[in-house]
PDB file of N, CA and C in Angstrom:
ATOM      1  N   MET A   1       0.892  -1.125  -0.029  1.00  0.00           N
ATOM      2  CA  MET A   1      -0.099   0.012  -0.119  1.00  0.00           C
ATOM      3  C   MET A   1       0.970   1.306  -0.115  1.00  0.00           C
ATOM      4  N   LYS A   2       0.563   1.921  -1.145  1.00  0.00           N
ATOM      5  CA  LYS A   2       1.324   3.266  -1.079  1.00  0.00           C
ATOM      6  C   LYS A   2       0.974   4.276  -0.111  1.00  0.00           C
ATOM      7  N   LEU A   3       2.093   5.049   0.526  1.00  0.00           N
ATOM      8  CA  LEU A   3       1.369   6.330   1.455  1.00  0.00           C
ATOM      9  C   LEU A   3       1.062   7.127   0.388  1.00  0.00           C
ATOM     10  N   GLN A   4      -0.255   8.018   0.611  1.00  0.00           N
ATOM     11  CA  GLN A   4      -0.425   9.222  -0.381  1.00  0.00           C
ATOM     12  C   GLN A   4      -1.704  10.110   0.417  1.00  0.00           C
ATOM     13  N   LEU A   5      -0.985  11.454   0.294  1.00  0.00           N
ATOM     14  CA  LEU A   5      -2.210  12.171   1.062  1.00  0.00           C
ATOM     15  C   LEU A   5      -3.193  12.826   0.045  1.00  0.00           C
ATOM     16  N   ASN A   6      -4.383  13.066   0.810  1.00  0.00           N
ATOM     17  CA  ASN A   6      -5.414  13.618   0.033  1.00  0.00           C
ATOM     18  C   ASN A   6      -5.267  15.035  -0.361  1.00  0.00           C
ATOM     19  N   ARG A   7      -6.169  15.361  -1.316  1.00  0.00           N
ATOM     20  CA  ARG A   7      -6.102  16.462  -2.314  1.00  0.00           C
ATOM     21  C   ARG A   7      -5.995  18.003  -1.086  1.00  0.00           C
ATOM     22  N   ILE A   8      -6.452  17.999  -0.066  1.00  0.00           N
ATOM     23  CA  ILE A   8      -6.621  19.102   0.555  1.00  0.00           C
ATOM     24  C   ILE A   8      -5.288  19.143   1.564  1.00  0.00           C
ATOM     25  N   THR A   9      -5.076  18.110   1.954  1.00  0.00           N
ATOM     26  CA  THR A   9      -3.718  17.678   2.706  1.00  0.00           C
ATOM     27  C   THR A   9      -2.412  18.096   2.032  1.00  0.00           C
ATOM     28  N   SER A  10      -2.901  17.815   0.535  1.00  0.00           N
ATOM     29  CA  SER A  10      -1.533  17.824  -0.479  1.00  0.00           C
ATOM     30  C   SER A  10      -1.301  19.579  -0.535  1.00  0.00           C
ATOM     31  N   ARG A  11      -2.506  20.266  -0.626  1.00  0.00           N
ATOM     32  CA  ARG A  11      -2.592  21.195  -1.071  1.00  0.00           C
ATOM     33  C   ARG A  11      -1.952  22.155  -0.010  1.00  0.00           C
ATOM     34  N   ILE A  12      -2.418  22.029   1.463  1.00  0.00           N
ATOM     35  CA  ILE A  12      -2.055  22.626   2.523  1.00  0.00           C
ATOM     36  C   ILE A  12      -0.363  22.444   2.662  1.00  0.00           C
ATOM     37  N   PHE A  13       0.117  20.978   2.576  1.00  0.00           N
ATOM     38  CA  PHE A  13       1.321  20.665   2.513  1.00  0.00           C
ATOM     39  C   PHE A  13       2.427  21.581   1.454  1.00  0.00           C
ATOM     40  N   VAL A  14       1.796  21.674   0.024  1.00  0.00           N
ATOM     41  CA  VAL A  14       2.547  22.576  -1.042  1.00  0.00           C
ATOM     42  C   VAL A  14       2.793  23.736  -0.415  1.00  0.00           C
ATOM     43  N   VAL A  15       1.849  24.572  -0.031  1.00  0.00           N
ATOM     44  CA  VAL A  15       1.551  25.921   0.456  1.00  0.00           C
ATOM     45  C   VAL A  15       2.733  26.373   1.534  1.00  0.00           C
ATOM     46  N   LEU A  16       2.495  25.396   2.449  1.00  0.00           N
ATOM     47  CA  LEU A  16       3.438  25.758   3.618  1.00  0.00           C
ATOM     48  C   LEU A  16       4.816  25.303   3.218  1.00  0.00           C
ATOM     49  N   TYR A  17       5.031  24.238   2.442  1.00  0.00           N
ATOM     50  CA  TYR A  17       6.403  23.949   1.937  1.00  0.00           C
ATOM     51  C   TYR A  17       7.072  25.061   1.217  1.00  0.00           C
ATOM     52  N   ILE A  18       6.263  25.523   0.298  1.00  0.00           N
ATOM     53  CA  ILE A  18       6.857  26.729  -0.486  1.00  0.00           C
ATOM     54  C   ILE A  18       7.427  27.806   0.429  1.00  0.00           C
ATOM     55  N   PHE A  19       6.160  28.226   1.397  1.00  0.00           N
ATOM     56  CA  PHE A  19       6.201  29.370   2.189  1.00  0.00           C
ATOM     57  C   PHE A  19       7.565  29.003   3.230  1.00  0.00           C
ATOM     58  N   ALA A  20       7.928  27.834   3.583  1.00  0.00           N
ATOM     59  CA  ALA A  20       9.106  27.611   4.624  1.00  0.00           C
ATOM     60  C   ALA A  20      10.325  27.617   3.692  1.00  0.00           C
ATOM     61  N   THR A  21      10.244  27.368   2.660  1.00  0.00           N
ATOM     62  CA  THR A  21      11.470  27.253   1.836  1.00  0.00           C
ATOM     63  C   THR A  21      11.939  28.726   1.577  1.00  0.00           C
ATOM     64  N   LEU A  22      11.027  29.573   1.198  1.00  0.00           N
ATOM     65  CA  LEU A  22      11.355  30.848   0.823  1.00  0.00           C
ATOM     66  C   LEU A  22      11.737  31.475   2.132  1.00  0.00           C
ATOM     67  N   VAL A  23      11.382  31.332   3.336  1.00  0.00           N
ATOM     68  CA  VAL A  23      11.565  32.009   4.692  1.00  0.00           C
ATOM     69  C   VAL A  23      12.804  31.583   4.792  1.00  0.00           C
ATOM     70  N   TRP A  24      13.194  30.118   4.672  1.00  0.00           N
ATOM     71  CA  TRP A  24      14.469  29.692   4.960  1.00  0.00           C
ATOM     72  C   TRP A  24      15.425  30.479   4.109  1.00  0.00           C
ATOM     73  N   ARG A  25      15.213  30.505   2.702  1.00  0.00           N
ATOM     74  CA  ARG A  25      16.134  30.982   1.819  1.00  0.00           C
ATOM     75  C   ARG A  25      16.386  32.483   2.387  1.00  0.00           C
ATOM     76  N   PHE A  26      15.468  33.315   2.563  1.00  0.00           N
ATOM     77  CA  PHE A  26      15.736  34.644   3.039  1.00  0.00           C
ATOM     78  C   PHE A  26      16.537  34.976   4.320  1.00  0.00           C
ATOM     79  N   LEU A  27      16.193  34.157   5.596  1.00  0.00           N
ATOM     80  CA  LEU A  27      16.938  34.038   6.447  1.00  0.00           C
ATOM     81  C   LEU A  27      18.160  33.628   6.494  1.00  0.00           C
ATOM     82  N   PHE A  28      18.760  32.778   5.687  1.00  0.00           N
ATOM     83  CA  PHE A  28      19.970  32.541   5.608  1.00  0.00           C
ATOM     84  C   PHE A  28      20.865  33.107   4.159  1.00  0.00           C
ATOM     85  N   GLU A  29      20.187  34.126   3.603  1.00  0.00           N
ATOM     86  CA  GLU A  29      20.794  34.503   2.429  1.00  0.00           C
ATOM     87  C   GLU A  29      22.186  35.359   2.628  1.00  0.00           C
ATOM     88  N   ALA A  30      22.123  35.763   3.974  1.00  0.00           N
ATOM     89  CA  ALA A  30      23.621  36.500   4.287  1.00  0.00           C
ATOM     90  C   ALA A  30      24.653  35.645   4.717  1.00  0.00           C
ATOM     91  N   GLN A  31      24.237  34.334   4.886  1.00  0.00           N
ATOM     92  CA  GLN A  31      25.378  33.485   5.238  1.00  0.00           C
ATOM     93  C   GLN A  31      25.850  32.675   3.953  1.00  0.00           C
ATOM     94  N   LEU A  32      25.099  33.033   2.657  1.00  0.00           N
ATOM     95  CA  LEU A  32      25.524  32.637   1.275  1.00  0.00           C
ATOM     96  C   LEU A  32      26.774  33.732   0.909  1.00  0.00           C
ATOM     97  N   ILE A  33      26.423  34.971   1.580  1.00  0.00           N
ATOM     98  CA  ILE A  33      27.804  35.933   1.432  1.00  0.00           C
ATOM     99  C   ILE A  33      27.110  36.407  -0.036  1.00  0.00           C
ATOM    100  N   GLY A  34      25.870  36.652  -0.295  1.00  0.00           N
ATOM    101  CA  GLY A  34      25.297  37.366  -1.323  1.00  0.00           C
ATOM    102  C   GLY A  34      25.461  36.319  -2.747  1.00  0.00           C
ATOM    103  N   SER A  35      25.814  35.311  -2.644  1.00  0.00           N
ATOM    104  CA  SER A  35      25.773  34.525  -3.786  1.00  0.00           C
ATOM    105  C   SER A  35      24.372  33.887  -4.414  1.00  0.00           C
ATOM    106  N   ALA A  36      23.879  34.856  -5.226  1.00  0.00           N
ATOM    107  CA  ALA A  36      22.530  34.672  -6.090  1.00  0.00           C
ATOM    108  C   ALA A  36      22.592  33.410  -6.880  1.00  0.00           C
ATOM    109  N   PHE A  37      23.595  32.776  -7.337  1.00  0.00           N
ATOM    110  CA  PHE A  37      23.687  31.635  -8.153  1.00  0.00           C
ATOM    111  C   PHE A  37      23.456  30.209  -7.014  1.00  0.00           C
ATOM    112  N   LEU A  38      24.107  30.360  -5.949  1.00  0.00           N
ATOM    113  CA  LEU A  38      23.896  29.306  -4.847  1.00  0.00           C
ATOM    114  C   LEU A  38      22.610  29.622  -4.377  1.00  0.00           C
ATOM    115  N   SER A  39      21.940  30.794  -4.008  1.00  0.00           N
ATOM    116  CA  SER A  39      20.640  30.575  -3.657  1.00  0.00           C
ATOM    117  C   SER A  39      19.530  29.957  -4.530  1.00  0.00           C
ATOM    118  N   MET A  40      19.855  30.632  -5.927  1.00  0.00           N
ATOM    119  CA  MET A  40      18.913  29.842  -7.119  1.00  0.00           C
ATOM    120  C   MET A  40      19.145  28.082  -7.121  1.00  0.00           C
ATOM    121  N   VAL A  41      20.634  27.604  -6.961  1.00  0.00           N
ATOM    122  CA  VAL A  41      20.569  26.386  -6.900  1.00  0.00           C
ATOM    123  C   VAL A  41      19.884  25.733  -5.504  1.00  0.00           C
ATOM    124  N   ILE A  42      19.999  26.129  -4.366  1.00  0.00           N
ATOM    125  CA  ILE A  42      19.113  25.756  -3.134  1.00  0.00           C
ATOM    126  C   ILE A  42      17.586  25.788  -3.773  1.00  0.00           C
ATOM    127  N   GLY A  43      17.091  26.880  -4.285  1.00  0.00           N
ATOM    128  CA  GLY A  43      15.620  27.222  -4.418  1.00  0.00           C
ATOM    129  C   GLY A  43      15.257  26.023  -5.541  1.00  0.00           C
ATOM    130  N   ALA A  44      16.354  25.383  -6.640  1.00  0.00           N
ATOM    131  CA  ALA A  44      16.009  24.636  -7.538  1.00  0.00           C
ATOM    132  C   ALA A  44      15.869  23.199  -6.912  1.00  0.00           C
ATOM    133  N   LEU A  45      16.806  23.141  -6.031  1.00  0.00           N
ATOM    134  CA  LEU A  45      16.756  21.637  -5.306  1.00  0.00           C
ATOM    135  C   LEU A  45      15.573  21.589  -4.350  1.00  0.00           C
ATOM    136  N   PHE A  46      14.993  22.568  -3.792  1.00  0.00           N
ATOM    137  CA  PHE A  46      13.767  22.355  -3.087  1.00  0.00           C
ATOM    138  C   PHE A  46      12.581  22.321  -3.699  1.00  0.00           C
ATOM    139  N   LEU A  47      12.705  22.915  -5.127  1.00  0.00           N
ATOM    140  CA  LEU A  47      11.483  22.676  -6.186  1.00  0.00           C
ATOM    141  C   LEU A  47      11.772  21.182  -6.737  1.00  0.00           C
ATOM    142  N   LEU A  48      12.758  20.751  -6.913  1.00  0.00           N
ATOM    143  CA  LEU A  48      12.945  19.336  -7.427  1.00  0.00           C
ATOM    144  C   LEU A  48      12.444  18.342  -6.403  1.00  0.00           C
ATOM    145  N   PHE A  49      12.706  18.504  -5.347  1.00  0.00           N
ATOM    146  CA  PHE A  49      12.079  17.402  -3.966  1.00  0.00           C
ATOM    147  C   PHE A  49      10.807  17.557  -4.161  1.00  0.00           C
ATOM    148  N   LEU A  50      10.013  18.939  -4.305  1.00  0.00           N
ATOM    149  CA  LEU A  50       8.599  18.857  -4.215  1.00  0.00           C
ATOM    150  C   LEU A  50       7.966  18.268  -5.513  1.00  0.00           C
ATOM    151  N   TRP A  51       8.605  18.644  -6.644  1.00  0.00           N
ATOM    152  CA  TRP A  51       8.437  17.736  -7.765  1.00  0.00           C
ATOM    153  C   TRP A  51       8.561  16.250  -7.725  1.00  0.00           C
ATOM    154  N   ALA A  52       9.392  15.494  -6.812  1.00  0.00           N
ATOM    155  CA  ALA A  52       9.719  13.969  -6.881  1.00  0.00           C
ATOM    156  C   ALA A  52       8.505  13.709  -5.997  1.00  0.00           C
ATOM    157  N   LEU A  53       8.122  14.524  -4.922  1.00  0.00           N
ATOM    158  CA  LEU A  53       6.795  14.056  -4.017  1.00  0.00           C
ATOM    159  C   LEU A  53       5.687  13.844  -4.977  1.00  0.00           C
ATOM    160  N   ILE A  54       5.724  15.065  -5.839  1.00  0.00           N
ATOM    161  CA  ILE A  54       4.004  14.857  -6.978  1.00  0.00           C
ATOM    162  C   ILE A  54       4.239  13.614  -7.722  1.00  0.00           C
ATOM    163  N   LYS A  55       5.606  13.607  -8.367  1.00  0.00           N
ATOM    164  CA  LYS A  55       5.382  12.543  -9.328  1.00  0.00           C
ATOM    165  C   LYS A  55       5.447  11.244  -8.743  1.00  0.00           C
ATOM    166  N   SER A  56       6.046  10.908  -7.614  1.00  0.00           N
ATOM    167  CA  SER A  56       5.595   9.761  -6.800  1.00  0.00           C
ATOM    168  C   SER A  56       4.333   9.586  -6.263  1.00  0.00           C
ATOM    169  N   LYS A  57       3.292  10.385  -6.405  1.00  0.00           N
ATOM    170  CA  LYS A  57       1.871  10.391  -6.202  1.00  0.00           C
ATOM    171  C   LYS A  57       1.699  10.240  -4.494  1.00  0.00           C
ATOM    172  N   PHE A  58       2.903  10.732  -3.814  1.00  0.00           N
ATOM    173  CA  PHE A  58       2.717  10.884  -2.260  1.00  0.00           C
ATOM    174  C   PHE A  58       1.783  12.391  -2.330  1.00  0.00           C
ATOM    175  N   LEU A  59       2.136  13.280  -3.079  1.00  0.00           N
ATOM    176  CA  LEU A  59       1.313  14.330  -3.075  1.00  0.00           C
ATOM    177  C   LEU A  59       0.396  14.237  -3.982  1.00  0.00           C
ATOM    178  N   ASN A  60      -0.812  14.672  -3.956  1.00  0.00           N
ATOM    179  CA  ASN A  60      -1.955  15.017  -4.949  1.00  0.00           C
ATOM    180  C   ASN A  60      -2.583  16.515  -4.556  1.00  0.00           C
ATOM    181  N   PRO A  61      -1.831  17.341  -4.963  1.00  0.00           N
ATOM    182  CA  PRO A  61      -2.338  18.543  -5.076  1.00  0.00           C
ATOM    183  C   PRO A  61      -3.544  18.968  -5.818  1.00  0.00           C
ATOM    184  N   GLU A  62      -4.565  19.960  -5.599  1.00  0.00           N
ATOM    185  CA  GLU A  62      -5.150  20.480  -6.913  1.00  0.00           C
ATOM    186  C   GLU A  62      -4.386  21.629  -7.196  1.00  0.00           C
ATOM    187  N   TRP A  63      -4.494  22.079  -8.423  1.00  0.00           N
ATOM    188  CA  TRP A  63      -3.860  23.115  -9.157  1.00  0.00           C
ATOM    189  C   TRP A  63      -4.463  24.160  -8.673  1.00  0.00           C
ATOM    190  N   PHE A  64      -5.041  24.649  -7.752  1.00  0.00           N
ATOM    191  CA  PHE A  64      -5.863  25.575  -7.624  1.00  0.00           C
ATOM    192  C   PHE A  64      -6.994  25.956  -8.762  1.00  0.00           C
ATOM    193  N   TRP A  65      -6.782  27.464  -9.178  1.00  0.00           N
ATOM    194  CA  TRP A  65      -8.059  27.399 -10.380  1.00  0.00           C
ATOM    195  C   TRP A  65      -7.502  26.776 -11.626  1.00  0.00           C
ATOM    196  N   PHE A  66      -6.379  26.536 -11.587  1.00  0.00           N
ATOM    197  CA  PHE A  66      -6.054  26.061 -13.078  1.00  0.00           C
ATOM    198  C   PHE A  66      -6.465  24.730 -13.488  1.00  0.00           C
ATOM    199  N   GLU A  67      -7.048  23.651 -12.451  1.00  0.00           N
ATOM    200  CA  GLU A  67      -7.486  22.376 -12.748  1.00  0.00           C
ATOM    201  C   GLU A  67      -8.320  22.334 -13.601  1.00  0.00           C
ATOM    202  N   GLU A  68      -9.609  23.309 -13.567  1.00  0.00           N
ATOM    203  CA  GLU A  68     -10.279  23.290 -14.598  1.00  0.00           C
ATOM    204  C   GLU A  68      -9.728  23.648 -16.095  1.00  0.00           C
ATOM    205  N   VAL A  69      -9.265  24.679 -16.218  1.00  0.00           N
ATOM    206  CA  VAL A  69      -8.497  25.098 -17.398  1.00  0.00           C
ATOM    207  C   VAL A  69      -7.591  24.015 -18.228  1.00  0.00           C
ATOM    208  N   LEU A  70      -6.851  23.168 -16.957  1.00  0.00           N
ATOM    209  CA  LEU A  70      -5.939  22.190 -17.657  1.00  0.00           C
ATOM    210  C   LEU A  70      -6.887  21.203 -17.946  1.00  0.00           C
ATOM    211  N   LYS A  71      -8.101  20.704 -17.913  1.00  0.00           N
ATOM    212  CA  LYS A  71      -8.898  19.883 -18.152  1.00  0.00           C
ATOM    213  C   LYS A  71      -9.514  20.025 -19.330  1.00  0.00           C
ATOM    214  N   SER A  72      -9.604  21.250 -20.054  1.00  0.00           N
ATOM    215  CA  SER A  72     -10.592  21.526 -21.085  1.00  0.00           C
ATOM    216  C   SER A  72      -9.747  21.520 -22.216  1.00  0.00           C
TER     217      SER A  72
END
């Protein structure tokens, strides 16, 4: 049996995850000595992890208002 979150829980997880990673990046930007490239790499890795959770079907988020547009 695969572990999978429902749509509402997945949506909440995605929003909190994106908010937490943005806050983390802004708080620790000073320790990166102003390296914009390193900050973008860290952000890309965070998004890659989120993408992997969605592709593995652990997360099943709604795409907010885009869901009906994408089905058409």
